[in-house]
Amino acid sequence: MLIRNVPEPLKREIEQAARKVGQSLSGKAIDLLWKGMIAEKEARLEPNLSAWDSIRSAFANESAIDNEFADIMAEIEAERKQDFGRRIEDFE
């Protein structure tokens, strides 16, 4: 694939980012294209995700899904249920 008319400042930014992580210019450009495609795809998804799903996807994007994530979410859910029905004044 050939991409024409890439603005010079953009090319420099990609080159610098590639150098920082030890990638070639082409490798970094491919990586950025993938990330852009994923972001575009996620933007098209319906915003009906639960908080659980939204947080989980953030952890998944960082490859940080494990039992710790499930434990944290269980703790959040338990506190949410415990706080359900309380007024804000009850917390002050």
C-alpha atoms as a PDB file:
ATOM      1  CA  MET A   1       0.000   0.000   0.000  1.00  0.00           C
ATOM      2  CA  LEU A   2       1.269   3.438  -0.859  1.00  0.00           C
ATOM      3  CA  ILE A   3       0.040   6.496   0.980  1.00  0.00           C
ATOM      4  CA  ARG A   4       0.687   9.751  -0.824  1.00  0.00           C
ATOM      5  CA  ASN A   5       0.860  13.322   0.419  1.00  0.00           C
ATOM      6  CA  VAL A   6       1.538  12.524   4.065  1.00  0.00           C
ATOM      7  CA  PRO A   7       2.192  15.894   5.691  1.00  0.00           C
ATOM      8  CA  GLU A   8       5.839  16.203   6.748  1.00  0.00           C
ATOM      9  CA  PRO A   9       5.004  17.056  10.387  1.00  0.00           C
ATOM     10  CA  LEU A  10       2.871  13.900  10.645  1.00  0.00           C
ATOM     11  CA  LYS A  11       5.637  11.796   9.122  1.00  0.00           C
ATOM     12  CA  ARG A  12       8.138  13.216  11.641  1.00  0.00           C
ATOM     13  CA  GLU A  13       5.767  12.444  14.534  1.00  0.00           C
ATOM     14  CA  ILE A  14       5.405   8.848  13.367  1.00  0.00           C
ATOM     15  CA  GLU A  15       9.162   8.511  12.884  1.00  0.00           C
ATOM     16  CA  GLN A  16       9.825   9.806  16.410  1.00  0.00           C
ATOM     17  CA  ALA A  17       7.195   7.500  17.905  1.00  0.00           C
ATOM     18  CA  ALA A  18       8.704   4.559  16.014  1.00  0.00           C
ATOM     19  CA  ARG A  19      12.198   5.344  17.260  1.00  0.00           C
ATOM     20  CA  LYS A  20      10.993   5.511  20.870  1.00  0.00           C
ATOM     21  CA  VAL A  21       9.737   1.920  20.741  1.00  0.00           C
ATOM     22  CA  GLY A  22      12.347   0.536  18.359  1.00  0.00           C
ATOM     23  CA  GLN A  23      10.007   0.067  15.404  1.00  0.00           C
ATOM     24  CA  SER A  24      10.419   0.864  11.761  1.00  0.00           C
ATOM     25  CA  LEU A  25       8.433   3.709  10.260  1.00  0.00           C
ATOM     26  CA  SER A  26       6.298   1.164   8.389  1.00  0.00           C
ATOM     27  CA  GLY A  27       5.764  -0.938  11.502  1.00  0.00           C
ATOM     28  CA  LYS A  28       4.664   2.068  13.526  1.00  0.00           C
ATOM     29  CA  ALA A  29       2.375   3.269  10.730  1.00  0.00           C
ATOM     30  CA  ILE A  30       0.729  -0.169  10.601  1.00  0.00           C
ATOM     31  CA  ASP A  31       0.333  -0.142  14.387  1.00  0.00           C
ATOM     32  CA  LEU A  32      -1.300   3.295  14.242  1.00  0.00           C
ATOM     33  CA  LEU A  33      -3.596   2.217  11.414  1.00  0.00           C
ATOM     34  CA  TRP A  34      -4.747  -0.789  13.475  1.00  0.00           C
ATOM     35  CA  LYS A  35      -5.378   1.409  16.504  1.00  0.00           C
ATOM     36  CA  GLY A  36      -7.291   3.873  14.355  1.00  0.00           C
ATOM     37  CA  MET A  37      -9.433   1.101  12.900  1.00  0.00           C
ATOM     38  CA  ILE A  38     -10.204  -0.243  16.372  1.00  0.00           C
ATOM     39  CA  ALA A  39     -11.095   3.229  17.662  1.00  0.00           C
ATOM     40  CA  GLU A  40     -13.340   3.845  14.670  1.00  0.00           C
ATOM     41  CA  LYS A  41     -15.053   0.494  15.140  1.00  0.00           C
ATOM     42  CA  GLU A  42     -15.601   1.181  18.862  1.00  0.00           C
ATOM     43  CA  ALA A  43     -17.018   4.613  18.076  1.00  0.00           C
ATOM     44  CA  ARG A  44     -19.647   2.965  15.867  1.00  0.00           C
ATOM     45  CA  LEU A  45     -20.758   0.600  18.620  1.00  0.00           C
ATOM     46  CA  GLU A  46     -23.956   1.446  20.414  1.00  0.00           C
ATOM     47  CA  PRO A  47     -23.297   3.310  23.646  1.00  0.00           C
ATOM     48  CA  ASN A  48     -25.475   0.816  25.545  1.00  0.00           C
ATOM     49  CA  LEU A  49     -22.513  -0.810  27.224  1.00  0.00           C
ATOM     50  CA  SER A  50     -22.785  -1.313  30.935  1.00  0.00           C
ATOM     51  CA  ALA A  51     -20.194   0.274  33.185  1.00  0.00           C
ATOM     52  CA  TRP A  52     -18.782  -3.234  33.667  1.00  0.00           C
ATOM     53  CA  ASP A  53     -18.316  -3.697  29.915  1.00  0.00           C
ATOM     54  CA  SER A  54     -16.835  -0.230  29.445  1.00  0.00           C
ATOM     55  CA  ILE A  55     -14.306  -0.688  32.235  1.00  0.00           C
ATOM     56  CA  ARG A  56     -13.533  -4.237  31.100  1.00  0.00           C
ATOM     57  CA  SER A  57     -12.791  -3.046  27.562  1.00  0.00           C
ATOM     58  CA  ALA A  58     -10.394  -0.421  28.930  1.00  0.00           C
ATOM     59  CA  PHE A  59      -8.575  -3.143  30.874  1.00  0.00           C
ATOM     60  CA  ALA A  60      -8.618  -5.443  27.830  1.00  0.00           C
ATOM     61  CA  ASN A  61      -7.046  -2.743  25.670  1.00  0.00           C
ATOM     62  CA  GLU A  62      -4.150  -2.673  28.126  1.00  0.00           C
ATOM     63  CA  SER A  63      -3.965  -6.493  28.350  1.00  0.00           C
ATOM     64  CA  ALA A  64      -4.759  -6.241  32.053  1.00  0.00           C
ATOM     65  CA  ILE A  65      -7.637  -8.726  32.341  1.00  0.00           C
ATOM     66  CA  ASP A  66      -7.232 -11.288  35.092  1.00  0.00           C
ATOM     67  CA  ASN A  67      -8.804 -12.300  38.393  1.00  0.00           C
ATOM     68  CA  GLU A  68      -7.810  -8.985  39.928  1.00  0.00           C
ATOM     69  CA  PHE A  69     -10.168  -7.195  37.532  1.00  0.00           C
ATOM     70  CA  ALA A  70     -13.057  -9.493  38.499  1.00  0.00           C
ATOM     71  CA  ASP A  71     -12.302  -8.953  42.190  1.00  0.00           C
ATOM     72  CA  ILE A  72     -12.273  -5.166  41.779  1.00  0.00           C
ATOM     73  CA  MET A  73     -15.549  -5.205  39.859  1.00  0.00           C
ATOM     74  CA  ALA A  74     -17.185  -7.489  42.457  1.00  0.00           C
ATOM     75  CA  GLU A  75     -16.123  -5.073  45.183  1.00  0.00           C
ATOM     76  CA  ILE A  76     -17.535  -2.107  43.242  1.00  0.00           C
ATOM     77  CA  GLU A  77     -20.796  -3.950  42.646  1.00  0.00           C
ATOM     78  CA  ALA A  78     -21.108  -4.903  46.340  1.00  0.00           C
ATOM     79  CA  GLU A  79     -20.594  -1.278  47.391  1.00  0.00           C
ATOM     80  CA  ARG A  80     -23.067  -0.078  44.773  1.00  0.00           C
ATOM     81  CA  LYS A  81     -25.708  -2.451  46.088  1.00  0.00           C
ATOM     82  CA  GLN A  82     -24.976  -1.428  49.658  1.00  0.00           C
ATOM     83  CA  ASP A  83     -25.309   2.269  48.772  1.00  0.00           C
ATOM     84  CA  PHE A  84     -28.439   1.813  46.672  1.00  0.00           C
ATOM     85  CA  GLY A  85     -31.262   3.986  47.912  1.00  0.00           C
ATOM     86  CA  ARG A  86     -29.186   6.241  50.147  1.00  0.00           C
ATOM     87  CA  ARG A  87     -29.368   9.954  49.650  1.00  0.00           C
ATOM     88  CA  ILE A  88     -26.238  11.988  49.015  1.00  0.00           C
ATOM     89  CA  GLU A  89     -26.758  13.737  52.354  1.00  0.00           C
ATOM     90  CA  ASP A  90     -26.238  10.362  54.084  1.00  0.00           C
ATOM     91  CA  PHE A  91     -22.622  10.405  52.901  1.00  0.00           C
ATOM     92  CA  GLU A  92     -21.746  13.891  54.100  1.00  0.00           C
END
